Amino acid sequence: LEIVEYLKPEQTYFTHISHHLGFHDEIDAQLPDGVNLAYD
């Protein structure tokens, strides 16, 4: 998220995700506008 804040792309998708990040829907709902978890 710090890198995203520095670069300020229009849209970011996070990938290479471990189960330790948490449930997709719960984490995705907490992310800033313009940032989402990718999914298969």
Full PDB file with SEQRES, HELIX, SHEET, SSBOND, CRYST1, ORIGX, SCALE, CONECT and MASTER records, all heavy atoms in Angstrom:
SEQRES   1 A   40  LEU GLU ILE VAL GLU TYR LEU LYS PRO GLU GLN THR TYR          
SEQRES   2 A   40  PHE THR HIS ILE SER HIS HIS LEU GLY PHE HIS ASP GLU          
SEQRES   3 A   40  ILE ASP ALA GLN LEU PRO ASP GLY VAL ASN LEU ALA TYR          
SEQRES   4 A   40  ASP                                                          
HELIX    1 AA1 GLU A    2  LEU A    7  1                                   6    
HELIX    2 AA2 HIS A   19  LEU A   21  5                                   3    
HELIX    3 AA3 HIS A   24  GLN A   30  1                                   7    
SHEET    1 AA1 2 THR A  12  PHE A  14  0                                        
SHEET    2 AA1 2 VAL A  35  LEU A  37  1                                        
CRYST1    1.000    1.000    1.000  90.00  90.00  90.00 P 1           1          
ORIGX1      1.000000  0.000000  0.000000        0.00000                         
ORIGX2      0.000000  1.000000  0.000000        0.00000                         
ORIGX3      0.000000  0.000000  1.000000        0.00000                         
SCALE1      1.000000  0.000000  0.000000        0.00000                         
SCALE2      0.000000  1.000000  0.000000        0.00000                         
SCALE3      0.000000  0.000000  1.000000        0.00000                         
ATOM      1  N   LEU A   1       0.827  -1.212   0.000  1.00  0.00           N  
ATOM      2  CA  LEU A   1       0.000   0.000   0.000  1.00  0.00           C  
ATOM      3  C   LEU A   1       0.862   1.263   0.000  1.00  0.00           C  
ATOM      4  O   LEU A   1       0.486   2.279  -0.615  1.00  0.00           O  
ATOM      5  CB  LEU A   1      -0.940  -0.004   1.200  1.00  0.00           C  
ATOM      6  CG  LEU A   1      -2.124  -0.976   1.100  1.00  0.00           C  
ATOM      7  CD1 LEU A   1      -2.834  -1.095   2.440  1.00  0.00           C  
ATOM      8  CD2 LEU A   1      -3.107  -0.545   0.009  1.00  0.00           C  
ATOM      9  N   GLU A   2       2.011   1.214   0.647  1.00  0.00           N  
ATOM     10  CA  GLU A   2       2.924   2.361   0.615  1.00  0.00           C  
ATOM     11  C   GLU A   2       3.411   2.636  -0.803  1.00  0.00           C  
ATOM     12  O   GLU A   2       3.511   3.798  -1.229  1.00  0.00           O  
ATOM     13  CB  GLU A   2       4.123   2.103   1.534  1.00  0.00           C  
ATOM     14  CG  GLU A   2       3.805   2.167   3.010  1.00  0.00           C  
ATOM     15  CD  GLU A   2       5.005   1.819   3.867  1.00  0.00           C  
ATOM     16  OE1 GLU A   2       6.124   1.675   3.307  1.00  0.00           O  
ATOM     17  OE2 GLU A   2       4.835   1.672   5.101  1.00  0.00           O  
ATOM     18  N   ILE A   3       3.703   1.583  -1.557  1.00  0.00           N  
ATOM     19  CA  ILE A   3       4.138   1.756  -2.949  1.00  0.00           C  
ATOM     20  C   ILE A   3       3.000   2.324  -3.795  1.00  0.00           C  
ATOM     21  O   ILE A   3       3.209   3.209  -4.634  1.00  0.00           O  
ATOM     22  CB  ILE A   3       4.640   0.406  -3.508  1.00  0.00           C  
ATOM     23  CG1 ILE A   3       5.979   0.044  -2.854  1.00  0.00           C  
ATOM     24  CG2 ILE A   3       4.778   0.461  -5.033  1.00  0.00           C  
ATOM     25  CD1 ILE A   3       6.508  -1.307  -3.245  1.00  0.00           C  
ATOM     26  N   VAL A   4       1.803   1.831  -3.562  1.00  0.00           N  
ATOM     27  CA  VAL A   4       0.642   2.356  -4.292  1.00  0.00           C  
ATOM     28  C   VAL A   4       0.456   3.838  -4.001  1.00  0.00           C  
ATOM     29  O   VAL A   4       0.197   4.644  -4.906  1.00  0.00           O  
ATOM     30  CB  VAL A   4      -0.633   1.564  -3.923  1.00  0.00           C  
ATOM     31  CG1 VAL A   4      -1.870   2.218  -4.515  1.00  0.00           C  
ATOM     32  CG2 VAL A   4      -0.512   0.123  -4.406  1.00  0.00           C  
ATOM     33  N   GLU A   5       0.608   4.229  -2.749  1.00  0.00           N  
ATOM     34  CA  GLU A   5       0.453   5.631  -2.372  1.00  0.00           C  
ATOM     35  C   GLU A   5       1.495   6.500  -3.067  1.00  0.00           C  
ATOM     36  O   GLU A   5       1.224   7.640  -3.474  1.00  0.00           O  
ATOM     37  CB  GLU A   5       0.559   5.775  -0.858  1.00  0.00           C  
ATOM     38  CG  GLU A   5       0.457   7.207  -0.341  1.00  0.00           C  
ATOM     39  CD  GLU A   5      -0.855   7.884  -0.687  1.00  0.00           C  
ATOM     40  OE1 GLU A   5      -1.883   7.183  -0.863  1.00  0.00           O  
ATOM     41  OE2 GLU A   5      -0.854   9.129  -0.799  1.00  0.00           O  
ATOM     42  N   TYR A   6       2.704   5.989  -3.229  1.00  0.00           N  
ATOM     43  CA  TYR A   6       3.769   6.739  -3.898  1.00  0.00           C  
ATOM     44  C   TYR A   6       3.504   6.856  -5.401  1.00  0.00           C  
ATOM     45  O   TYR A   6       3.657   7.927  -5.994  1.00  0.00           O  
ATOM     46  CB  TYR A   6       5.117   6.060  -3.649  1.00  0.00           C  
ATOM     47  CG  TYR A   6       6.266   6.695  -4.398  1.00  0.00           C  
ATOM     48  CD1 TYR A   6       6.827   7.896  -3.955  1.00  0.00           C  
ATOM     49  CD2 TYR A   6       6.783   6.109  -5.553  1.00  0.00           C  
ATOM     50  CE1 TYR A   6       7.875   8.488  -4.647  1.00  0.00           C  
ATOM     51  CE2 TYR A   6       7.825   6.685  -6.249  1.00  0.00           C  
ATOM     52  CZ  TYR A   6       8.375   7.881  -5.794  1.00  0.00           C  
ATOM     53  OH  TYR A   6       9.401   8.469  -6.485  1.00  0.00           O  
ATOM     54  N   LEU A   7       3.079   5.762  -6.027  1.00  0.00           N  
ATOM     55  CA  LEU A   7       2.922   5.744  -7.483  1.00  0.00           C  
ATOM     56  C   LEU A   7       1.592   6.324  -7.948  1.00  0.00           C  
ATOM     57  O   LEU A   7       1.505   6.843  -9.057  1.00  0.00           O  
ATOM     58  CB  LEU A   7       3.063   4.304  -7.996  1.00  0.00           C  
ATOM     59  CG  LEU A   7       4.433   3.658  -7.824  1.00  0.00           C  
ATOM     60  CD1 LEU A   7       4.378   2.202  -8.271  1.00  0.00           C  
ATOM     61  CD2 LEU A   7       5.488   4.414  -8.619  1.00  0.00           C  
ATOM     62  N   LYS A   8       0.558   6.146  -7.148  1.00  0.00           N  
ATOM     63  CA  LYS A   8      -0.780   6.639  -7.468  1.00  0.00           C  
ATOM     64  C   LYS A   8      -1.286   6.186  -8.858  1.00  0.00           C  
ATOM     65  O   LYS A   8      -1.706   7.005  -9.684  1.00  0.00           O  
ATOM     66  CB  LYS A   8      -0.829   8.167  -7.374  1.00  0.00           C  
ATOM     67  CG  LYS A   8      -0.616   8.692  -5.959  1.00  0.00           C  
ATOM     68  CD  LYS A   8      -0.706  10.193  -5.904  1.00  0.00           C  
ATOM     69  CE  LYS A   8      -0.693  10.773  -4.502  1.00  0.00           C  
ATOM     70  NZ  LYS A   8      -0.141   9.996  -3.426  1.00  0.00           N  
ATOM     71  N   PRO A   9      -1.247   4.880  -9.125  1.00  0.00           N  
ATOM     72  CA  PRO A   9      -1.873   4.394 -10.363  1.00  0.00           C  
ATOM     73  C   PRO A   9      -3.385   4.582 -10.293  1.00  0.00           C  
ATOM     74  O   PRO A   9      -3.951   4.720  -9.198  1.00  0.00           O  
ATOM     75  CB  PRO A   9      -1.497   2.918 -10.389  1.00  0.00           C  
ATOM     76  CG  PRO A   9      -1.304   2.566  -8.951  1.00  0.00           C  
ATOM     77  CD  PRO A   9      -0.762   3.788  -8.284  1.00  0.00           C  
ATOM     78  N   GLU A  10      -4.044   4.558 -11.448  1.00  0.00           N  
ATOM     79  CA  GLU A  10      -5.502   4.676 -11.441  1.00  0.00           C  
ATOM     80  C   GLU A  10      -6.154   3.487 -10.739  1.00  0.00           C  
ATOM     81  O   GLU A  10      -7.138   3.641 -10.016  1.00  0.00           O  
ATOM     82  CB  GLU A  10      -6.020   4.805 -12.874  1.00  0.00           C  
ATOM     83  CG  GLU A  10      -5.632   6.112 -13.556  1.00  0.00           C  
ATOM     84  CD  GLU A  10      -6.213   6.222 -14.950  1.00  0.00           C  
ATOM     85  OE1 GLU A  10      -7.167   5.472 -15.285  1.00  0.00           O  
ATOM     86  OE2 GLU A  10      -5.705   7.053 -15.728  1.00  0.00           O  
ATOM     87  N   GLN A  11      -5.605   2.296 -10.956  1.00  0.00           N  
ATOM     88  CA  GLN A  11      -6.155   1.083 -10.350  1.00  0.00           C  
ATOM     89  C   GLN A  11      -5.016   0.135 -10.020  1.00  0.00           C  
ATOM     90  O   GLN A  11      -4.084  -0.025 -10.812  1.00  0.00           O  
ATOM     91  CB  GLN A  11      -7.136   0.398 -11.297  1.00  0.00           C  
ATOM     92  CG  GLN A  11      -7.683  -0.932 -10.803  1.00  0.00           C  
ATOM     93  CD  GLN A  11      -8.574  -0.791  -9.582  1.00  0.00           C  
ATOM     94  OE1 GLN A  11      -9.462   0.067  -9.543  1.00  0.00           O  
ATOM     95  NE2 GLN A  11      -8.356  -1.617  -8.567  1.00  0.00           N  
ATOM     96  N   THR A  12      -5.099  -0.500  -8.861  1.00  0.00           N  
ATOM     97  CA  THR A  12      -4.105  -1.492  -8.448  1.00  0.00           C  
ATOM     98  C   THR A  12      -4.800  -2.800  -8.120  1.00  0.00           C  
ATOM     99  O   THR A  12      -5.884  -2.810  -7.517  1.00  0.00           O  
ATOM    100  CB  THR A  12      -3.330  -1.006  -7.206  1.00  0.00           C  
ATOM    101  OG1 THR A  12      -2.630   0.195  -7.525  1.00  0.00           O  
ATOM    102  CG2 THR A  12      -2.324  -2.062  -6.747  1.00  0.00           C  
ATOM    103  N   TYR A  13      -4.156  -3.893  -8.512  1.00  0.00           N  
ATOM    104  CA  TYR A  13      -4.607  -5.234  -8.124  1.00  0.00           C  
ATOM    105  C   TYR A  13      -3.454  -5.937  -7.422  1.00  0.00           C  
ATOM    106  O   TYR A  13      -2.344  -6.005  -7.957  1.00  0.00           O  
ATOM    107  CB  TYR A  13      -5.038  -6.047  -9.344  1.00  0.00           C  
ATOM    108  CG  TYR A  13      -6.276  -5.518 -10.018  1.00  0.00           C  
ATOM    109  CD1 TYR A  13      -6.165  -4.677 -11.118  1.00  0.00           C  
ATOM    110  CD2 TYR A  13      -7.550  -5.847  -9.561  1.00  0.00           C  
ATOM    111  CE1 TYR A  13      -7.295  -4.172 -11.749  1.00  0.00           C  
ATOM    112  CE2 TYR A  13      -8.681  -5.353 -10.181  1.00  0.00           C  
ATOM    113  CZ  TYR A  13      -8.546  -4.522 -11.278  1.00  0.00           C  
ATOM    114  OH  TYR A  13      -9.666  -4.020 -11.894  1.00  0.00           O  
ATOM    115  N   PHE A  14      -3.710  -6.470  -6.233  1.00  0.00           N  
ATOM    116  CA  PHE A  14      -2.700  -7.229  -5.514  1.00  0.00           C  
ATOM    117  C   PHE A  14      -2.800  -8.709  -5.890  1.00  0.00           C  
ATOM    118  O   PHE A  14      -3.898  -9.260  -6.055  1.00  0.00           O  
ATOM    119  CB  PHE A  14      -2.875  -7.075  -4.007  1.00  0.00           C  
ATOM    120  CG  PHE A  14      -2.516  -5.707  -3.496  1.00  0.00           C  
ATOM    121  CD1 PHE A  14      -3.187  -5.167  -2.405  1.00  0.00           C  
ATOM    122  CD2 PHE A  14      -1.492  -4.970  -4.072  1.00  0.00           C  
ATOM    123  CE1 PHE A  14      -2.854  -3.909  -1.912  1.00  0.00           C  
ATOM    124  CE2 PHE A  14      -1.147  -3.721  -3.596  1.00  0.00           C  
ATOM    125  CZ  PHE A  14      -1.835  -3.186  -2.513  1.00  0.00           C  
ATOM    126  N   THR A  15      -1.627  -9.335  -5.996  1.00  0.00           N  
ATOM    127  CA  THR A  15      -1.548 -10.744  -6.374  1.00  0.00           C  
ATOM    128  C   THR A  15      -0.469 -11.431  -5.556  1.00  0.00           C  
ATOM    129  O   THR A  15       0.101 -10.857  -4.638  1.00  0.00           O  
ATOM    130  CB  THR A  15      -1.301 -10.878  -7.892  1.00  0.00           C  
ATOM    131  OG1 THR A  15      -1.487 -12.241  -8.289  1.00  0.00           O  
ATOM    132  CG2 THR A  15       0.107 -10.419  -8.271  1.00  0.00           C  
ATOM    133  N   HIS A  16      -0.177 -12.688  -5.876  1.00  0.00           N  
ATOM    134  CA  HIS A  16       0.776 -13.527  -5.126  1.00  0.00           C  
ATOM    135  C   HIS A  16       0.393 -13.527  -3.649  1.00  0.00           C  
ATOM    136  O   HIS A  16       1.172 -13.163  -2.771  1.00  0.00           O  
ATOM    137  CB  HIS A  16       2.214 -13.057  -5.335  1.00  0.00           C  
ATOM    138  CG  HIS A  16       3.217 -14.179  -5.151  1.00  0.00           C  
ATOM    139  ND1 HIS A  16       3.518 -14.704  -3.928  1.00  0.00           N  
ATOM    140  CD2 HIS A  16       3.955 -14.861  -6.053  1.00  0.00           C  
ATOM    141  CE1 HIS A  16       4.420 -15.660  -4.061  1.00  0.00           C  
ATOM    142  NE2 HIS A  16       4.698 -15.782  -5.357  1.00  0.00           N  
ATOM    143  N   ILE A  17      -0.827 -13.956  -3.401  1.00  0.00           N  
ATOM    144  CA  ILE A  17      -1.484 -13.831  -2.098  1.00  0.00           C  
ATOM    145  C   ILE A  17      -1.438 -15.155  -1.341  1.00  0.00           C  
ATOM    146  O   ILE A  17      -1.745 -16.204  -1.888  1.00  0.00           O  
ATOM    147  CB  ILE A  17      -2.941 -13.378  -2.317  1.00  0.00           C  
ATOM    148  CG1 ILE A  17      -2.960 -11.940  -2.862  1.00  0.00           C  
ATOM    149  CG2 ILE A  17      -3.759 -13.488  -1.036  1.00  0.00           C  
ATOM    150  CD1 ILE A  17      -4.298 -11.525  -3.426  1.00  0.00           C  
ATOM    151  N   SER A  18      -1.078 -15.075  -0.079  1.00  0.00           N  
ATOM    152  CA  SER A  18      -1.058 -16.227   0.819  1.00  0.00           C  
ATOM    153  C   SER A  18      -2.380 -16.329   1.570  1.00  0.00           C  
ATOM    154  O   SER A  18      -3.094 -15.335   1.743  1.00  0.00           O  
ATOM    155  CB  SER A  18       0.098 -16.078   1.810  1.00  0.00           C  
ATOM    156  OG  SER A  18      -0.082 -16.887   2.951  1.00  0.00           O  
ATOM    157  N   HIS A  19      -2.670 -17.538   2.058  1.00  0.00           N  
ATOM    158  CA  HIS A  19      -3.845 -17.691   2.911  1.00  0.00           C  
ATOM    159  C   HIS A  19      -3.746 -16.845   4.172  1.00  0.00           C  
ATOM    160  O   HIS A  19      -4.746 -16.495   4.781  1.00  0.00           O  
ATOM    161  CB  HIS A  19      -4.057 -19.170   3.270  1.00  0.00           C  
ATOM    162  CG  HIS A  19      -2.924 -19.805   4.021  1.00  0.00           C  
ATOM    163  ND1 HIS A  19      -1.655 -19.948   3.490  1.00  0.00           N  
ATOM    164  CD2 HIS A  19      -2.860 -20.332   5.271  1.00  0.00           C  
ATOM    165  CE1 HIS A  19      -0.875 -20.542   4.374  1.00  0.00           C  
ATOM    166  NE2 HIS A  19      -1.577 -20.778   5.462  1.00  0.00           N  
ATOM    167  N   HIS A  20      -2.517 -16.469   4.554  1.00  0.00           N  
ATOM    168  CA  HIS A  20      -2.327 -15.655   5.758  1.00  0.00           C  
ATOM    169  C   HIS A  20      -2.781 -14.208   5.566  1.00  0.00           C  
ATOM    170  O   HIS A  20      -2.881 -13.470   6.554  1.00  0.00           O  
ATOM    171  CB  HIS A  20      -0.866 -15.678   6.195  1.00  0.00           C  
ATOM    172  CG  HIS A  20      -0.415 -17.008   6.726  1.00  0.00           C  
ATOM    173  ND1 HIS A  20      -0.984 -17.597   7.836  1.00  0.00           N  
ATOM    174  CD2 HIS A  20       0.537 -17.862   6.280  1.00  0.00           C  
ATOM    175  CE1 HIS A  20      -0.393 -18.760   8.069  1.00  0.00           C  
ATOM    176  NE2 HIS A  20       0.522 -18.947   7.136  1.00  0.00           N  
ATOM    177  N   LEU A  21      -3.063 -13.791   4.328  1.00  0.00           N  
ATOM    178  CA  LEU A  21      -3.610 -12.452   4.133  1.00  0.00           C  
ATOM    179  C   LEU A  21      -5.038 -12.370   4.670  1.00  0.00           C  
ATOM    180  O   LEU A  21      -5.477 -11.323   5.148  1.00  0.00           O  
ATOM    181  CB  LEU A  21      -3.577 -12.068   2.653  1.00  0.00           C  
ATOM    182  CG  LEU A  21      -4.005 -10.635   2.333  1.00  0.00           C  
ATOM    183  CD1 LEU A  21      -3.071  -9.622   2.988  1.00  0.00           C  
ATOM    184  CD2 LEU A  21      -4.051 -10.407   0.818  1.00  0.00           C  
ATOM    185  N   GLY A  22      -5.771 -13.475   4.587  1.00  0.00           N  
ATOM    186  CA  GLY A  22      -7.140 -13.495   5.079  1.00  0.00           C  
ATOM    187  C   GLY A  22      -8.133 -13.781   3.977  1.00  0.00           C  
ATOM    188  O   GLY A  22      -7.762 -14.026   2.816  1.00  0.00           O  
ATOM    189  N   PHE A  23      -9.413 -13.740   4.319  1.00  0.00           N  
ATOM    190  CA  PHE A  23     -10.471 -14.008   3.354  1.00  0.00           C  
ATOM    191  C   PHE A  23     -10.537 -12.881   2.322  1.00  0.00           C  
ATOM    192  O   PHE A  23     -10.478 -11.702   2.669  1.00  0.00           O  
ATOM    193  CB  PHE A  23     -11.823 -14.133   4.064  1.00  0.00           C  
ATOM    194  CG  PHE A  23     -11.945 -15.335   4.940  1.00  0.00           C  
ATOM    195  CD1 PHE A  23     -11.858 -15.210   6.325  1.00  0.00           C  
ATOM    196  CD2 PHE A  23     -12.141 -16.591   4.395  1.00  0.00           C  
ATOM    197  CE1 PHE A  23     -11.971 -16.316   7.145  1.00  0.00           C  
ATOM    198  CE2 PHE A  23     -12.256 -17.716   5.209  1.00  0.00           C  
ATOM    199  CZ  PHE A  23     -12.166 -17.581   6.583  1.00  0.00           C  
ATOM    200  N   HIS A  24     -10.678 -13.272   1.060  1.00  0.00           N  
ATOM    201  CA  HIS A  24     -10.689 -12.305  -0.028  1.00  0.00           C  
ATOM    202  C   HIS A  24     -11.674 -11.173   0.215  1.00  0.00           C  
ATOM    203  O   HIS A  24     -11.317  -9.983   0.162  1.00  0.00           O  
ATOM    204  CB  HIS A  24     -11.010 -13.008  -1.352  1.00  0.00           C  
ATOM    205  CG  HIS A  24     -11.046 -12.075  -2.522  1.00  0.00           C  
ATOM    206  ND1 HIS A  24     -12.118 -11.255  -2.790  1.00  0.00           N  
ATOM    207  CD2 HIS A  24     -10.144 -11.829  -3.496  1.00  0.00           C  
ATOM    208  CE1 HIS A  24     -11.869 -10.535  -3.876  1.00  0.00           C  
ATOM    209  NE2 HIS A  24     -10.679 -10.874  -4.318  1.00  0.00           N  
ATOM    210  N   ASP A  25     -12.928 -11.499   0.458  1.00  0.00           N  
ATOM    211  CA  ASP A  25     -13.963 -10.471   0.552  1.00  0.00           C  
ATOM    212  C   ASP A  25     -13.732  -9.528   1.733  1.00  0.00           C  
ATOM    213  O   ASP A  25     -13.981  -8.323   1.629  1.00  0.00           O  
ATOM    214  CB  ASP A  25     -15.346 -11.116   0.658  1.00  0.00           C  
ATOM    215  CG  ASP A  25     -15.781 -11.765  -0.645  1.00  0.00           C  
ATOM    216  OD1 ASP A  25     -15.111 -11.553  -1.680  1.00  0.00           O  
ATOM    217  OD2 ASP A  25     -16.798 -12.504  -0.624  1.00  0.00           O  
ATOM    218  N   GLU A  26     -13.252 -10.063   2.846  1.00  0.00           N  
ATOM    219  CA  GLU A  26     -13.018  -9.230   4.027  1.00  0.00           C  
ATOM    220  C   GLU A  26     -11.873  -8.248   3.798  1.00  0.00           C  
ATOM    221  O   GLU A  26     -11.977  -7.063   4.144  1.00  0.00           O  
ATOM    222  CB  GLU A  26     -12.726 -10.111   5.244  1.00  0.00           C  
ATOM    223  CG  GLU A  26     -13.921 -10.922   5.723  1.00  0.00           C  
ATOM    224  CD  GLU A  26     -13.607 -11.753   6.950  1.00  0.00           C  
ATOM    225  OE1 GLU A  26     -12.475 -11.620   7.493  1.00  0.00           O  
ATOM    226  OE2 GLU A  26     -14.476 -12.532   7.378  1.00  0.00           O  
ATOM    227  N   ILE A  27     -10.769  -8.727   3.237  1.00  0.00           N  
ATOM    228  CA  ILE A  27      -9.611  -7.853   3.001  1.00  0.00           C  
ATOM    229  C   ILE A  27      -9.925  -6.852   1.892  1.00  0.00           C  
ATOM    230  O   ILE A  27      -9.615  -5.658   2.000  1.00  0.00           O  
ATOM    231  CB  ILE A  27      -8.364  -8.682   2.654  1.00  0.00           C  
ATOM    232  CG1 ILE A  27      -8.008  -9.623   3.814  1.00  0.00           C  
ATOM    233  CG2 ILE A  27      -7.189  -7.762   2.324  1.00  0.00           C  
ATOM    234  CD1 ILE A  27      -7.697  -8.929   5.118  1.00  0.00           C  
ATOM    235  N   ASP A  28     -10.554  -7.312   0.826  1.00  0.00           N  
ATOM    236  CA  ASP A  28     -10.855  -6.435  -0.299  1.00  0.00           C  
ATOM    237  C   ASP A  28     -11.726  -5.258   0.138  1.00  0.00           C  
ATOM    238  O   ASP A  28     -11.538  -4.125  -0.326  1.00  0.00           O  
ATOM    239  CB  ASP A  28     -11.551  -7.237  -1.405  1.00  0.00           C  
ATOM    240  CG  ASP A  28     -11.597  -6.503  -2.725  1.00  0.00           C  
ATOM    241  OD1 ASP A  28     -10.524  -6.243  -3.306  1.00  0.00           O  
ATOM    242  OD2 ASP A  28     -12.711  -6.180  -3.197  1.00  0.00           O  
ATOM    243  N   ALA A  29     -12.662  -5.497   1.035  1.00  0.00           N  
ATOM    244  CA  ALA A  29     -13.564  -4.442   1.502  1.00  0.00           C  
ATOM    245  C   ALA A  29     -12.840  -3.383   2.328  1.00  0.00           C  
ATOM    246  O   ALA A  29     -13.344  -2.256   2.465  1.00  0.00           O  
ATOM    247  CB  ALA A  29     -14.692  -5.053   2.325  1.00  0.00           C  
ATOM    248  N   GLN A  30     -11.670  -3.710   2.860  1.00  0.00           N  
ATOM    249  CA  GLN A  30     -10.921  -2.776   3.701  1.00  0.00           C  
ATOM    250  C   GLN A  30      -9.924  -1.928   2.910  1.00  0.00           C  
ATOM    251  O   GLN A  30      -9.331  -0.994   3.459  1.00  0.00           O  
ATOM    252  CB  GLN A  30     -10.160  -3.545   4.786  1.00  0.00           C  
ATOM    253  CG  GLN A  30     -11.039  -4.345   5.728  1.00  0.00           C  
ATOM    254  CD  GLN A  30     -10.231  -5.258   6.632  1.00  0.00           C  
ATOM    255  OE1 GLN A  30      -9.076  -4.985   6.948  1.00  0.00           O  
ATOM    256  NE2 GLN A  30     -10.835  -6.352   7.058  1.00  0.00           N  
ATOM    257  N   LEU A  31      -9.723  -2.228   1.642  1.00  0.00           N  
ATOM    258  CA  LEU A  31      -8.696  -1.554   0.854  1.00  0.00           C  
ATOM    259  C   LEU A  31      -9.169  -0.179   0.390  1.00  0.00           C  
ATOM    260  O   LEU A  31     -10.374   0.054   0.235  1.00  0.00           O  
ATOM    261  CB  LEU A  31      -8.303  -2.415  -0.342  1.00  0.00           C  
ATOM    262  CG  LEU A  31      -7.646  -3.757  -0.002  1.00  0.00           C  
ATOM    263  CD1 LEU A  31      -7.404  -4.570  -1.264  1.00  0.00           C  
ATOM    264  CD2 LEU A  31      -6.333  -3.544   0.767  1.00  0.00           C  
ATOM    265  N   PRO A  32      -8.230   0.731   0.139  1.00  0.00           N  
ATOM    266  CA  PRO A  32      -8.605   2.072  -0.333  1.00  0.00           C  
ATOM    267  C   PRO A  32      -9.277   2.017  -1.711  1.00  0.00           C  
ATOM    268  O   PRO A  32      -9.166   1.023  -2.435  1.00  0.00           O  
ATOM    269  CB  PRO A  32      -7.261   2.807  -0.417  1.00  0.00           C  
ATOM    270  CG  PRO A  32      -6.292   1.985   0.355  1.00  0.00           C  
ATOM    271  CD  PRO A  32      -6.774   0.577   0.306  1.00  0.00           C  
ATOM    272  N   ASP A  33      -9.935   3.105  -2.066  1.00  0.00           N  
ATOM    273  CA  ASP A  33     -10.517   3.201  -3.405  1.00  0.00           C  
ATOM    274  C   ASP A  33      -9.429   3.019  -4.455  1.00  0.00           C  
ATOM    275  O   ASP A  33      -8.315   3.549  -4.324  1.00  0.00           O  
ATOM    276  CB  ASP A  33     -11.179   4.568  -3.599  1.00  0.00           C  
ATOM    277  CG  ASP A  33     -12.440   4.732  -2.767  1.00  0.00           C  
ATOM    278  OD1 ASP A  33     -12.969   3.710  -2.275  1.00  0.00           O  
ATOM    279  OD2 ASP A  33     -12.888   5.882  -2.610  1.00  0.00           O  
ATOM    280  N   GLY A  34      -9.745   2.281  -5.494  1.00  0.00           N  
ATOM    281  CA  GLY A  34      -8.775   2.062  -6.563  1.00  0.00           C  
ATOM    282  C   GLY A  34      -7.789   0.953  -6.290  1.00  0.00           C  
ATOM    283  O   GLY A  34      -6.856   0.747  -7.067  1.00  0.00           O  
ATOM    284  N   VAL A  35      -7.966   0.224  -5.173  1.00  0.00           N  
ATOM    285  CA  VAL A  35      -7.091  -0.907  -4.835  1.00  0.00           C  
ATOM    286  C   VAL A  35      -7.971  -2.111  -4.544  1.00  0.00           C  
ATOM    287  O   VAL A  35      -8.911  -2.020  -3.748  1.00  0.00           O  
ATOM    288  CB  VAL A  35      -6.202  -0.601  -3.620  1.00  0.00           C  
ATOM    289  CG1 VAL A  35      -5.277  -1.786  -3.327  1.00  0.00           C  
ATOM    290  CG2 VAL A  35      -5.381   0.668  -3.844  1.00  0.00           C  
ATOM    291  N   ASN A  36      -7.662  -3.225  -5.197  1.00  0.00           N  
ATOM    292  CA  ASN A  36      -8.428  -4.458  -4.985  1.00  0.00           C  
ATOM    293  C   ASN A  36      -7.511  -5.658  -4.972  1.00  0.00           C  
ATOM    294  O   ASN A  36      -6.409  -5.625  -5.529  1.00  0.00           O  
ATOM    295  CB  ASN A  36      -9.466  -4.653  -6.092  1.00  0.00           C  
ATOM    296  CG  ASN A  36     -10.568  -3.619  -6.056  1.00  0.00           C  
ATOM    297  OD1 ASN A  36     -10.528  -2.646  -6.804  1.00  0.00           O  
ATOM    298  ND2 ASN A  36     -11.549  -3.800  -5.187  1.00  0.00           N  
ATOM    299  N   LEU A  37      -7.972  -6.732  -4.339  1.00  0.00           N  
ATOM    300  CA  LEU A  37      -7.304  -8.019  -4.479  1.00  0.00           C  
ATOM    301  C   LEU A  37      -7.705  -8.619  -5.818  1.00  0.00           C  
ATOM    302  O   LEU A  37      -8.884  -8.634  -6.181  1.00  0.00           O  
ATOM    303  CB  LEU A  37      -7.720  -8.975  -3.361  1.00  0.00           C  
ATOM    304  CG  LEU A  37      -7.408  -8.580  -1.917  1.00  0.00           C  
ATOM    305  CD1 LEU A  37      -7.775  -9.733  -0.991  1.00  0.00           C  
ATOM    306  CD2 LEU A  37      -5.949  -8.189  -1.749  1.00  0.00           C  
ATOM    307  N   ALA A  38      -6.730  -9.117  -6.551  1.00  0.00           N  
ATOM    308  CA  ALA A  38      -7.042  -9.893  -7.749  1.00  0.00           C  
ATOM    309  C   ALA A  38      -7.527 -11.274  -7.319  1.00  0.00           C  
ATOM    310  O   ALA A  38      -7.345 -11.690  -6.172  1.00  0.00           O  
ATOM    311  CB  ALA A  38      -5.814 -10.015  -8.637  1.00  0.00           C  
ATOM    312  N   TYR A  39      -8.135 -11.979  -8.240  1.00  0.00           N  
ATOM    313  CA  TYR A  39      -8.541 -13.360  -7.997  1.00  0.00           C  
ATOM    314  C   TYR A  39      -8.456 -14.122  -9.304  1.00  0.00           C  
ATOM    315  O   TYR A  39      -8.454 -13.541 -10.400  1.00  0.00           O  
ATOM    316  CB  TYR A  39      -9.956 -13.432  -7.406  1.00  0.00           C  
ATOM    317  CG  TYR A  39     -11.029 -12.718  -8.199  1.00  0.00           C  
ATOM    318  CD1 TYR A  39     -11.719 -13.361  -9.226  1.00  0.00           C  
ATOM    319  CD2 TYR A  39     -11.353 -11.391  -7.918  1.00  0.00           C  
ATOM    320  CE1 TYR A  39     -12.696 -12.703  -9.948  1.00  0.00           C  
ATOM    321  CE2 TYR A  39     -12.333 -10.727  -8.636  1.00  0.00           C  
ATOM    322  CZ  TYR A  39     -13.004 -11.388  -9.654  1.00  0.00           C  
ATOM    323  OH  TYR A  39     -13.964 -10.736 -10.380  1.00  0.00           O  
ATOM    324  N   ASP A  40      -8.351 -15.422  -9.204  1.00  0.00           N  
ATOM    325  CA  ASP A  40      -8.182 -16.264 -10.387  1.00  0.00           C  
ATOM    326  C   ASP A  40      -9.338 -16.067 -11.362  1.00  0.00           C  
ATOM    327  O   ASP A  40     -10.505 -16.023 -10.961  1.00  0.00           O  
ATOM    328  CB  ASP A  40      -8.100 -17.737  -9.989  1.00  0.00           C  
ATOM    329  CG  ASP A  40      -6.815 -18.078  -9.259  1.00  0.00           C  
ATOM    330  OD1 ASP A  40      -6.131 -17.146  -8.792  1.00  0.00           O  
ATOM    331  OD2 ASP A  40      -6.504 -19.282  -9.144  1.00  0.00           O  
TER     332      ASP A  40                                                      
MASTER        0    0    0    3    2    0    0    6  331    1    0    4          
END                                                                             
